[in-house]
Amino acid sequence: LELQRTNSQMERLLKKIPPEVLEE
């Protein structure tokens, strides 16, 4: 559960990254 909370936080940040930046 602790690790899943960290993973969720990382996923939220990933969603904030513009797709073109992520692709680059």
mmCIF file of all heavy atoms, coordinates in Angstrom:
data_MODEL
# 
_entry.id   MODEL 
# 
loop_
_atom_site.group_PDB 
_atom_site.id 
_atom_site.type_symbol 
_atom_site.label_atom_id 
_atom_site.label_alt_id 
_atom_site.label_comp_id 
_atom_site.label_asym_id 
_atom_site.label_entity_id 
_atom_site.label_seq_id 
_atom_site.pdbx_PDB_ins_code 
_atom_site.Cartn_x 
_atom_site.Cartn_y 
_atom_site.Cartn_z 
_atom_site.occupancy 
_atom_site.B_iso_or_equiv 
_atom_site.pdbx_formal_charge 
_atom_site.auth_seq_id 
_atom_site.auth_comp_id 
_atom_site.auth_asym_id 
_atom_site.auth_atom_id 
_atom_site.pdbx_PDB_model_num 
ATOM 1   N N   . LEU A 1 1  ? 0.834  -1.208 0.000   1.00 0.00 ? 1  LEU A N   1 
ATOM 2   C CA  . LEU A 1 1  ? 0.000  0.000  0.000   1.00 0.00 ? 1  LEU A CA  1 
ATOM 3   C C   . LEU A 1 1  ? 0.866  1.254  0.000   1.00 0.00 ? 1  LEU A C   1 
ATOM 4   O O   . LEU A 1 1  ? 0.585  2.222  -0.707  1.00 0.00 ? 1  LEU A O   1 
ATOM 5   C CB  . LEU A 1 1  ? -0.951 -0.001 1.203   1.00 0.00 ? 1  LEU A CB  1 
ATOM 6   C CG  . LEU A 1 1  ? -2.146 -0.929 1.082   1.00 0.00 ? 1  LEU A CG  1 
ATOM 7   C CD1 . LEU A 1 1  ? -2.916 -0.973 2.401   1.00 0.00 ? 1  LEU A CD1 1 
ATOM 8   C CD2 . LEU A 1 1  ? -3.059 -0.502 -0.047  1.00 0.00 ? 1  LEU A CD2 1 
ATOM 9   N N   . GLU A 1 2  ? 1.926  1.222  0.779   1.00 0.00 ? 2  GLU A N   1 
ATOM 10  C CA  . GLU A 1 2  ? 2.859  2.347  0.810   1.00 0.00 ? 2  GLU A CA  1 
ATOM 11  C C   . GLU A 1 2  ? 3.490  2.554  -0.567  1.00 0.00 ? 2  GLU A C   1 
ATOM 12  O O   . GLU A 1 2  ? 3.571  3.678  -1.070  1.00 0.00 ? 2  GLU A O   1 
ATOM 13  C CB  . GLU A 1 2  ? 3.939  2.062  1.863   1.00 0.00 ? 2  GLU A CB  1 
ATOM 14  C CG  . GLU A 1 2  ? 4.951  3.155  2.041   1.00 0.00 ? 2  GLU A CG  1 
ATOM 15  C CD  . GLU A 1 2  ? 6.006  2.772  3.082   1.00 0.00 ? 2  GLU A CD  1 
ATOM 16  O OE1 . GLU A 1 2  ? 5.663  2.129  4.082   1.00 0.00 ? 2  GLU A OE1 1 
ATOM 17  O OE2 . GLU A 1 2  ? 7.170  3.129  2.861   1.00 0.00 ? 2  GLU A OE2 1 
ATOM 18  N N   . LEU A 1 3  ? 3.908  1.464  -1.177  1.00 0.00 ? 3  LEU A N   1 
ATOM 19  C CA  . LEU A 1 3  ? 4.516  1.561  -2.504  1.00 0.00 ? 3  LEU A CA  1 
ATOM 20  C C   . LEU A 1 3  ? 3.496  1.984  -3.559  1.00 0.00 ? 3  LEU A C   1 
ATOM 21  O O   . LEU A 1 3  ? 3.814  2.744  -4.470  1.00 0.00 ? 3  LEU A O   1 
ATOM 22  C CB  . LEU A 1 3  ? 5.151  0.220  -2.888  1.00 0.00 ? 3  LEU A CB  1 
ATOM 23  C CG  . LEU A 1 3  ? 6.371  -0.177 -2.046  1.00 0.00 ? 3  LEU A CG  1 
ATOM 24  C CD1 . LEU A 1 3  ? 6.768  -1.602 -2.350  1.00 0.00 ? 3  LEU A CD1 1 
ATOM 25  C CD2 . LEU A 1 3  ? 7.525  0.774  -2.266  1.00 0.00 ? 3  LEU A CD2 1 
ATOM 26  N N   . GLN A 1 4  ? 2.253  1.530  -3.432  1.00 0.00 ? 4  GLN A N   1 
ATOM 27  C CA  . GLN A 1 4  ? 1.221  1.923  -4.384  1.00 0.00 ? 4  GLN A CA  1 
ATOM 28  C C   . GLN A 1 4  ? 0.907  3.414  -4.276  1.00 0.00 ? 4  GLN A C   1 
ATOM 29  O O   . GLN A 1 4  ? 0.633  4.067  -5.275  1.00 0.00 ? 4  GLN A O   1 
ATOM 30  C CB  . GLN A 1 4  ? -0.052 1.084  -4.191  1.00 0.00 ? 4  GLN A CB  1 
ATOM 31  C CG  . GLN A 1 4  ? 0.114  -0.316 -4.726  1.00 0.00 ? 4  GLN A CG  1 
ATOM 32  C CD  . GLN A 1 4  ? -1.040 -1.236 -4.365  1.00 0.00 ? 4  GLN A CD  1 
ATOM 33  O OE1 . GLN A 1 4  ? -1.743 -1.033 -3.386  1.00 0.00 ? 4  GLN A OE1 1 
ATOM 34  N NE2 . GLN A 1 4  ? -1.223 -2.277 -5.167  1.00 0.00 ? 4  GLN A NE2 1 
ATOM 35  N N   . ARG A 1 5  ? 0.968  3.955  -3.059  1.00 0.00 ? 5  ARG A N   1 
ATOM 36  C CA  . ARG A 1 5  ? 0.770  5.410  -2.894  1.00 0.00 ? 5  ARG A CA  1 
ATOM 37  C C   . ARG A 1 5  ? 1.865  6.171  -3.639  1.00 0.00 ? 5  ARG A C   1 
ATOM 38  O O   . ARG A 1 5  ? 1.603  7.150  -4.338  1.00 0.00 ? 5  ARG A O   1 
ATOM 39  C CB  . ARG A 1 5  ? 0.759  5.790  -1.416  1.00 0.00 ? 5  ARG A CB  1 
ATOM 40  C CG  . ARG A 1 5  ? -0.581 5.610  -0.736  1.00 0.00 ? 5  ARG A CG  1 
ATOM 41  C CD  . ARG A 1 5  ? -0.615 6.289  0.623   1.00 0.00 ? 5  ARG A CD  1 
ATOM 42  N NE  . ARG A 1 5  ? 0.342  5.726  1.565   1.00 0.00 ? 5  ARG A NE  1 
ATOM 43  C CZ  . ARG A 1 5  ? 0.095  4.695  2.365   1.00 0.00 ? 5  ARG A CZ  1 
ATOM 44  N NH1 . ARG A 1 5  ? -1.079 4.112  2.342   1.00 0.00 ? 5  ARG A NH1 1 
ATOM 45  N NH2 . ARG A 1 5  ? 1.010  4.262  3.191   1.00 0.00 ? 5  ARG A NH2 1 
ATOM 46  N N   . THR A 1 6  ? 3.105  5.704  -3.484  1.00 0.00 ? 6  THR A N   1 
ATOM 47  C CA  . THR A 1 6  ? 4.209  6.337  -4.203  1.00 0.00 ? 6  THR A CA  1 
ATOM 48  C C   . THR A 1 6  ? 4.008  6.204  -5.706  1.00 0.00 ? 6  THR A C   1 
ATOM 49  O O   . THR A 1 6  ? 4.196  7.164  -6.461  1.00 0.00 ? 6  THR A O   1 
ATOM 50  C CB  . THR A 1 6  ? 5.555  5.697  -3.785  1.00 0.00 ? 6  THR A CB  1 
ATOM 51  O OG1 . THR A 1 6  ? 5.738  5.900  -2.387  1.00 0.00 ? 6  THR A OG1 1 
ATOM 52  C CG2 . THR A 1 6  ? 6.712  6.311  -4.542  1.00 0.00 ? 6  THR A CG2 1 
ATOM 53  N N   . ASN A 1 7  ? 3.592  5.029  -6.143  1.00 0.00 ? 7  ASN A N   1 
ATOM 54  C CA  . ASN A 1 7  ? 3.364  4.799  -7.570  1.00 0.00 ? 7  ASN A CA  1 
ATOM 55  C C   . ASN A 1 7  ? 2.260  5.728  -8.092  1.00 0.00 ? 7  ASN A C   1 
ATOM 56  O O   . ASN A 1 7  ? 2.386  6.296  -9.184  1.00 0.00 ? 7  ASN A O   1 
ATOM 57  C CB  . ASN A 1 7  ? 3.005  3.332  -7.813  1.00 0.00 ? 7  ASN A CB  1 
ATOM 58  C CG  . ASN A 1 7  ? 3.030  2.965  -9.267  1.00 0.00 ? 7  ASN A CG  1 
ATOM 59  O OD1 . ASN A 1 7  ? 3.959  3.319  -9.987  1.00 0.00 ? 7  ASN A OD1 1 
ATOM 60  N ND2 . ASN A 1 7  ? 2.020  2.273  -9.724  1.00 0.00 ? 7  ASN A ND2 1 
ATOM 61  N N   . SER A 1 8  ? 1.192  5.909  -7.334  1.00 0.00 ? 8  SER A N   1 
ATOM 62  C CA  . SER A 1 8  ? 0.099  6.805  -7.740  1.00 0.00 ? 8  SER A CA  1 
ATOM 63  C C   . SER A 1 8  ? 0.600  8.234  -7.879  1.00 0.00 ? 8  SER A C   1 
ATOM 64  O O   . SER A 1 8  ? 0.224  8.951  -8.812  1.00 0.00 ? 8  SER A O   1 
ATOM 65  C CB  . SER A 1 8  ? -1.042 6.762  -6.720  1.00 0.00 ? 8  SER A CB  1 
ATOM 66  O OG  . SER A 1 8  ? -1.649 5.511  -6.720  1.00 0.00 ? 8  SER A OG  1 
ATOM 67  N N   . GLN A 1 9  ? 1.448  8.641  -6.968  1.00 0.00 ? 9  GLN A N   1 
ATOM 68  C CA  . GLN A 1 9  ? 2.018  9.987  -7.031  1.00 0.00 ? 9  GLN A CA  1 
ATOM 69  C C   . GLN A 1 9  ? 2.834  10.142 -8.317  1.00 0.00 ? 9  GLN A C   1 
ATOM 70  O O   . GLN A 1 9  ? 2.735  11.165 -9.000  1.00 0.00 ? 9  GLN A O   1 
ATOM 71  C CB  . GLN A 1 9  ? 2.895  10.218 -5.797  1.00 0.00 ? 9  GLN A CB  1 
ATOM 72  C CG  . GLN A 1 9  ? 3.450  11.605 -5.682  1.00 0.00 ? 9  GLN A CG  1 
ATOM 73  C CD  . GLN A 1 9  ? 4.290  11.759 -4.418  1.00 0.00 ? 9  GLN A CD  1 
ATOM 74  O OE1 . GLN A 1 9  ? 4.817  10.788 -3.878  1.00 0.00 ? 9  GLN A OE1 1 
ATOM 75  N NE2 . GLN A 1 9  ? 4.432  12.967 -3.956  1.00 0.00 ? 9  GLN A NE2 1 
ATOM 76  N N   . MET A 1 10 ? 3.611  9.120  -8.651  1.00 0.00 ? 10 MET A N   1 
ATOM 77  C CA  . MET A 1 10 ? 4.420  9.172  -9.865  1.00 0.00 ? 10 MET A CA  1 
ATOM 78  C C   . MET A 1 10 ? 3.514  9.216  -11.107 1.00 0.00 ? 10 MET A C   1 
ATOM 79  O O   . MET A 1 10 ? 3.785  9.963  -12.049 1.00 0.00 ? 10 MET A O   1 
ATOM 80  C CB  . MET A 1 10 ? 5.330  7.942  -9.963  1.00 0.00 ? 10 MET A CB  1 
ATOM 81  C CG  . MET A 1 10 ? 6.297  7.755  -8.824  1.00 0.00 ? 10 MET A CG  1 
ATOM 82  S SD  . MET A 1 10 ? 7.331  9.182  -8.501  1.00 0.00 ? 10 MET A SD  1 
ATOM 83  C CE  . MET A 1 10 ? 7.393  9.112  -6.739  1.00 0.00 ? 10 MET A CE  1 
ATOM 84  N N   . GLU A 1 11 ? 2.444  8.440  -11.091 1.00 0.00 ? 11 GLU A N   1 
ATOM 85  C CA  . GLU A 1 11 ? 1.527  8.429  -12.231 1.00 0.00 ? 11 GLU A CA  1 
ATOM 86  C C   . GLU A 1 11 ? 0.854  9.797  -12.406 1.00 0.00 ? 11 GLU A C   1 
ATOM 87  O O   . GLU A 1 11 ? 0.657  10.253 -13.531 1.00 0.00 ? 11 GLU A O   1 
ATOM 88  C CB  . GLU A 1 11 ? 0.468  7.339  -12.050 1.00 0.00 ? 11 GLU A CB  1 
ATOM 89  C CG  . GLU A 1 11 ? 1.024  5.948  -12.271 1.00 0.00 ? 11 GLU A CG  1 
ATOM 90  C CD  . GLU A 1 11 ? 0.025  4.850  -11.963 1.00 0.00 ? 11 GLU A CD  1 
ATOM 91  O OE1 . GLU A 1 11 ? -1.090 5.138  -11.479 1.00 0.00 ? 11 GLU A OE1 1 
ATOM 92  O OE2 . GLU A 1 11 ? 0.374  3.680  -12.209 1.00 0.00 ? 11 GLU A OE2 1 
ATOM 93  N N   . ARG A 1 12 ? 0.504  10.452 -11.286 1.00 0.00 ? 12 ARG A N   1 
ATOM 94  C CA  . ARG A 1 12 ? -0.099 11.794 -11.387 1.00 0.00 ? 12 ARG A CA  1 
ATOM 95  C C   . ARG A 1 12 ? 0.867  12.769 -12.046 1.00 0.00 ? 12 ARG A C   1 
ATOM 96  O O   . ARG A 1 12 ? 0.467  13.582 -12.869 1.00 0.00 ? 12 ARG A O   1 
ATOM 97  C CB  . ARG A 1 12 ? -0.521 12.301 -10.007 1.00 0.00 ? 12 ARG A CB  1 
ATOM 98  C CG  . ARG A 1 12 ? -1.799 11.667 -9.493  1.00 0.00 ? 12 ARG A CG  1 
ATOM 99  C CD  . ARG A 1 12 ? -2.347 12.392 -8.279  1.00 0.00 ? 12 ARG A CD  1 
ATOM 100 N NE  . ARG A 1 12 ? -1.425 12.449 -7.161  1.00 0.00 ? 12 ARG A NE  1 
ATOM 101 C CZ  . ARG A 1 12 ? -1.288 11.497 -6.255  1.00 0.00 ? 12 ARG A CZ  1 
ATOM 102 N NH1 . ARG A 1 12 ? -2.006 10.397 -6.321  1.00 0.00 ? 12 ARG A NH1 1 
ATOM 103 N NH2 . ARG A 1 12 ? -0.436 11.637 -5.252  1.00 0.00 ? 12 ARG A NH2 1 
ATOM 104 N N   . LEU A 1 13 ? 2.145  12.685 -11.687 1.00 0.00 ? 13 LEU A N   1 
ATOM 105 C CA  . LEU A 1 13 ? 3.127  13.576 -12.308 1.00 0.00 ? 13 LEU A CA  1 
ATOM 106 C C   . LEU A 1 13 ? 3.288  13.243 -13.783 1.00 0.00 ? 13 LEU A C   1 
ATOM 107 O O   . LEU A 1 13 ? 3.357  14.141 -14.620 1.00 0.00 ? 13 LEU A O   1 
ATOM 108 C CB  . LEU A 1 13 ? 4.482  13.484 -11.599 1.00 0.00 ? 13 LEU A CB  1 
ATOM 109 C CG  . LEU A 1 13 ? 5.595  14.357 -12.191 1.00 0.00 ? 13 LEU A CG  1 
ATOM 110 C CD1 . LEU A 1 13 ? 5.208  15.829 -12.193 1.00 0.00 ? 13 LEU A CD1 1 
ATOM 111 C CD2 . LEU A 1 13 ? 6.883  14.163 -11.436 1.00 0.00 ? 13 LEU A CD2 1 
ATOM 112 N N   . LEU A 1 14 ? 3.320  11.961 -14.114 1.00 0.00 ? 14 LEU A N   1 
ATOM 113 C CA  . LEU A 1 14 ? 3.445  11.566 -15.518 1.00 0.00 ? 14 LEU A CA  1 
ATOM 114 C C   . LEU A 1 14 ? 2.307  12.147 -16.358 1.00 0.00 ? 14 LEU A C   1 
ATOM 115 O O   . LEU A 1 14 ? 2.519  12.572 -17.492 1.00 0.00 ? 14 LEU A O   1 
ATOM 116 C CB  . LEU A 1 14 ? 3.441  10.040 -15.651 1.00 0.00 ? 14 LEU A CB  1 
ATOM 117 C CG  . LEU A 1 14 ? 4.771  9.341  -15.440 1.00 0.00 ? 14 LEU A CG  1 
ATOM 118 C CD1 . LEU A 1 14 ? 4.575  7.833  -15.443 1.00 0.00 ? 14 LEU A CD1 1 
ATOM 119 C CD2 . LEU A 1 14 ? 5.786  9.738  -16.485 1.00 0.00 ? 14 LEU A CD2 1 
ATOM 120 N N   . LYS A 1 15 ? 1.103  12.183 -15.804 1.00 0.00 ? 15 LYS A N   1 
ATOM 121 C CA  . LYS A 1 15 ? -0.048 12.723 -16.534 1.00 0.00 ? 15 LYS A CA  1 
ATOM 122 C C   . LYS A 1 15 ? 0.080  14.224 -16.771 1.00 0.00 ? 15 LYS A C   1 
ATOM 123 O O   . LYS A 1 15 ? -0.510 14.763 -17.695 1.00 0.00 ? 15 LYS A O   1 
ATOM 124 C CB  . LYS A 1 15 ? -1.343 12.417 -15.783 1.00 0.00 ? 15 LYS A CB  1 
ATOM 125 C CG  . LYS A 1 15 ? -1.721 10.956 -15.854 1.00 0.00 ? 15 LYS A CG  1 
ATOM 126 C CD  . LYS A 1 15 ? -2.969 10.664 -15.050 1.00 0.00 ? 15 LYS A CD  1 
ATOM 127 C CE  . LYS A 1 15 ? -3.248 9.163  -15.066 1.00 0.00 ? 15 LYS A CE  1 
ATOM 128 N NZ  . LYS A 1 15 ? -4.382 8.824  -14.215 1.00 0.00 ? 15 LYS A NZ  1 
ATOM 129 N N   . LYS A 1 16 ? 0.846  14.907 -15.927 1.00 0.00 ? 16 LYS A N   1 
ATOM 130 C CA  . LYS A 1 16 ? 1.033  16.352 -16.070 1.00 0.00 ? 16 LYS A CA  1 
ATOM 131 C C   . LYS A 1 16 ? 2.073  16.702 -17.129 1.00 0.00 ? 16 LYS A C   1 
ATOM 132 O O   . LYS A 1 16 ? 2.144  17.831 -17.576 1.00 0.00 ? 16 LYS A O   1 
ATOM 133 C CB  . LYS A 1 16 ? 1.456  16.971 -14.732 1.00 0.00 ? 16 LYS A CB  1 
ATOM 134 C CG  . LYS A 1 16 ? 0.377  16.939 -13.689 1.00 0.00 ? 16 LYS A CG  1 
ATOM 135 C CD  . LYS A 1 16 ? 0.873  17.540 -12.393 1.00 0.00 ? 16 LYS A CD  1 
ATOM 136 C CE  . LYS A 1 16 ? -0.165 17.436 -11.303 1.00 0.00 ? 16 LYS A CE  1 
ATOM 137 N NZ  . LYS A 1 16 ? 0.334  17.995 -10.033 1.00 0.00 ? 16 LYS A NZ  1 
ATOM 138 N N   . ILE A 1 17 ? 2.893  15.731 -17.506 1.00 0.00 ? 17 ILE A N   1 
ATOM 139 C CA  . ILE A 1 17 ? 3.951  15.986 -18.482 1.00 0.00 ? 17 ILE A CA  1 
ATOM 140 C C   . ILE A 1 17 ? 3.313  16.016 -19.870 1.00 0.00 ? 17 ILE A C   1 
ATOM 141 O O   . ILE A 1 17 ? 2.630  15.076 -20.254 1.00 0.00 ? 17 ILE A O   1 
ATOM 142 C CB  . ILE A 1 17 ? 5.037  14.902 -18.417 1.00 0.00 ? 17 ILE A CB  1 
ATOM 143 C CG1 . ILE A 1 17 ? 5.684  14.879 -17.027 1.00 0.00 ? 17 ILE A CG1 1 
ATOM 144 C CG2 . ILE A 1 17 ? 6.097  15.126 -19.493 1.00 0.00 ? 17 ILE A CG2 1 
ATOM 145 C CD1 . ILE A 1 17 ? 6.585  13.686 -16.802 1.00 0.00 ? 17 ILE A CD1 1 
ATOM 146 N N   . PRO A 1 18 ? 3.526  17.088 -20.623 1.00 0.00 ? 18 PRO A N   1 
ATOM 147 C CA  . PRO A 1 18 ? 2.965  17.152 -21.976 1.00 0.00 ? 18 PRO A CA  1 
ATOM 148 C C   . PRO A 1 18 ? 3.448  15.965 -22.812 1.00 0.00 ? 18 PRO A C   1 
ATOM 149 O O   . PRO A 1 18 ? 4.610  15.569 -22.723 1.00 0.00 ? 18 PRO A O   1 
ATOM 150 C CB  . PRO A 1 18 ? 3.518  18.472 -22.534 1.00 0.00 ? 18 PRO A CB  1 
ATOM 151 C CG  . PRO A 1 18 ? 3.886  19.274 -21.338 1.00 0.00 ? 18 PRO A CG  1 
ATOM 152 C CD  . PRO A 1 18 ? 4.281  18.291 -20.284 1.00 0.00 ? 18 PRO A CD  1 
ATOM 153 N N   . PRO A 1 19 ? 2.553  15.393 -23.643 1.00 0.00 ? 19 PRO A N   1 
ATOM 154 C CA  . PRO A 1 19 ? 2.904  14.203 -24.435 1.00 0.00 ? 19 PRO A CA  1 
ATOM 155 C C   . PRO A 1 19 ? 4.145  14.394 -25.294 1.00 0.00 ? 19 PRO A C   1 
ATOM 156 O O   . PRO A 1 19 ? 4.960  13.488 -25.424 1.00 0.00 ? 19 PRO A O   1 
ATOM 157 C CB  . PRO A 1 19 ? 1.670  13.963 -25.306 1.00 0.00 ? 19 PRO A CB  1 
ATOM 158 C CG  . PRO A 1 19 ? 0.555  14.657 -24.602 1.00 0.00 ? 19 PRO A CG  1 
ATOM 159 C CD  . PRO A 1 19 ? 1.166  15.788 -23.839 1.00 0.00 ? 19 PRO A CD  1 
ATOM 160 N N   . GLU A 1 20 ? 4.316  15.585 -25.876 1.00 0.00 ? 20 GLU A N   1 
ATOM 161 C CA  . GLU A 1 20 ? 5.476  15.799 -26.736 1.00 0.00 ? 20 GLU A CA  1 
ATOM 162 C C   . GLU A 1 20 ? 6.777  15.777 -25.925 1.00 0.00 ? 20 GLU A C   1 
ATOM 163 O O   . GLU A 1 20 ? 7.812  15.320 -26.397 1.00 0.00 ? 20 GLU A O   1 
ATOM 164 C CB  . GLU A 1 20 ? 5.345  17.099 -27.538 1.00 0.00 ? 20 GLU A CB  1 
ATOM 165 C CG  . GLU A 1 20 ? 5.285  18.365 -26.720 1.00 0.00 ? 20 GLU A CG  1 
ATOM 166 C CD  . GLU A 1 20 ? 3.888  18.727 -26.199 1.00 0.00 ? 20 GLU A CD  1 
ATOM 167 O OE1 . GLU A 1 20 ? 2.934  17.956 -26.410 1.00 0.00 ? 20 GLU A OE1 1 
ATOM 168 O OE2 . GLU A 1 20 ? 3.779  19.789 -25.566 1.00 0.00 ? 20 GLU A OE2 1 
ATOM 169 N N   . VAL A 1 21 ? 6.730  16.251 -24.685 1.00 0.00 ? 21 VAL A N   1 
ATOM 170 C CA  . VAL A 1 21 ? 7.916  16.232 -23.826 1.00 0.00 ? 21 VAL A CA  1 
ATOM 171 C C   . VAL A 1 21 ? 8.219  14.785 -23.434 1.00 0.00 ? 21 VAL A C   1 
ATOM 172 O O   . VAL A 1 21 ? 9.373  14.348 -23.475 1.00 0.00 ? 21 VAL A O   1 
ATOM 173 C CB  . VAL A 1 21 ? 7.695  17.109 -22.570 1.00 0.00 ? 21 VAL A CB  1 
ATOM 174 C CG1 . VAL A 1 21 ? 8.840  16.936 -21.586 1.00 0.00 ? 21 VAL A CG1 1 
ATOM 175 C CG2 . VAL A 1 21 ? 7.538  18.568 -22.972 1.00 0.00 ? 21 VAL A CG2 1 
ATOM 176 N N   . LEU A 1 22 ? 7.199  14.037 -23.095 1.00 0.00 ? 22 LEU A N   1 
ATOM 177 C CA  . LEU A 1 22 ? 7.363  12.639 -22.734 1.00 0.00 ? 22 LEU A CA  1 
ATOM 178 C C   . LEU A 1 22 ? 7.951  11.847 -23.898 1.00 0.00 ? 22 LEU A C   1 
ATOM 179 O O   . LEU A 1 22 ? 8.864  11.039 -23.726 1.00 0.00 ? 22 LEU A O   1 
ATOM 180 C CB  . LEU A 1 22 ? 6.006  12.064 -22.329 1.00 0.00 ? 22 LEU A CB  1 
ATOM 181 C CG  . LEU A 1 22 ? 5.979  10.842 -21.447 1.00 0.00 ? 22 LEU A CG  1 
ATOM 182 C CD1 . LEU A 1 22 ? 6.813  11.029 -20.199 1.00 0.00 ? 22 LEU A CD1 1 
ATOM 183 C CD2 . LEU A 1 22 ? 4.552  10.499 -21.085 1.00 0.00 ? 22 LEU A CD2 1 
ATOM 184 N N   . GLU A 1 23 ? 7.457  12.106 -25.084 1.00 0.00 ? 23 GLU A N   1 
ATOM 185 C CA  . GLU A 1 23 ? 7.960  11.427 -26.279 1.00 0.00 ? 23 GLU A CA  1 
ATOM 186 C C   . GLU A 1 23 ? 9.432  11.769 -26.512 1.00 0.00 ? 23 GLU A C   1 
ATOM 187 O O   . GLU A 1 23 ? 10.245 10.901 -26.826 1.00 0.00 ? 23 GLU A O   1 
ATOM 188 C CB  . GLU A 1 23 ? 7.120  11.842 -27.492 1.00 0.00 ? 23 GLU A CB  1 
ATOM 189 C CG  . GLU A 1 23 ? 7.426  11.042 -28.738 1.00 0.00 ? 23 GLU A CG  1 
ATOM 190 C CD  . GLU A 1 23 ? 6.505  11.422 -29.891 1.00 0.00 ? 23 GLU A CD  1 
ATOM 191 O OE1 . GLU A 1 23 ? 5.300  11.583 -29.658 1.00 0.00 ? 23 GLU A OE1 1 
ATOM 192 O OE2 . GLU A 1 23 ? 7.030  11.566 -31.009 1.00 0.00 ? 23 GLU A OE2 1 
ATOM 193 N N   . GLU A 1 24 ? 9.778  13.034 -26.335 1.00 0.00 ? 24 GLU A N   1 
ATOM 194 C CA  . GLU A 1 24 ? 11.170 13.472 -26.512 1.00 0.00 ? 24 GLU A CA  1 
ATOM 195 C C   . GLU A 1 24 ? 12.085 12.764 -25.510 1.00 0.00 ? 24 GLU A C   1 
ATOM 196 O O   . GLU A 1 24 ? 13.174 12.296 -25.861 1.00 0.00 ? 24 GLU A O   1 
ATOM 197 C CB  . GLU A 1 24 ? 11.241 14.991 -26.312 1.00 0.00 ? 24 GLU A CB  1 
ATOM 198 C CG  . GLU A 1 24 ? 12.608 15.577 -26.576 1.00 0.00 ? 24 GLU A CG  1 
ATOM 199 C CD  . GLU A 1 24 ? 12.616 17.094 -26.414 1.00 0.00 ? 24 GLU A CD  1 
ATOM 200 O OE1 . GLU A 1 24 ? 11.589 17.744 -26.645 1.00 0.00 ? 24 GLU A OE1 1 
ATOM 201 O OE2 . GLU A 1 24 ? 13.689 17.614 -26.045 1.00 0.00 ? 24 GLU A OE2 1 
# 
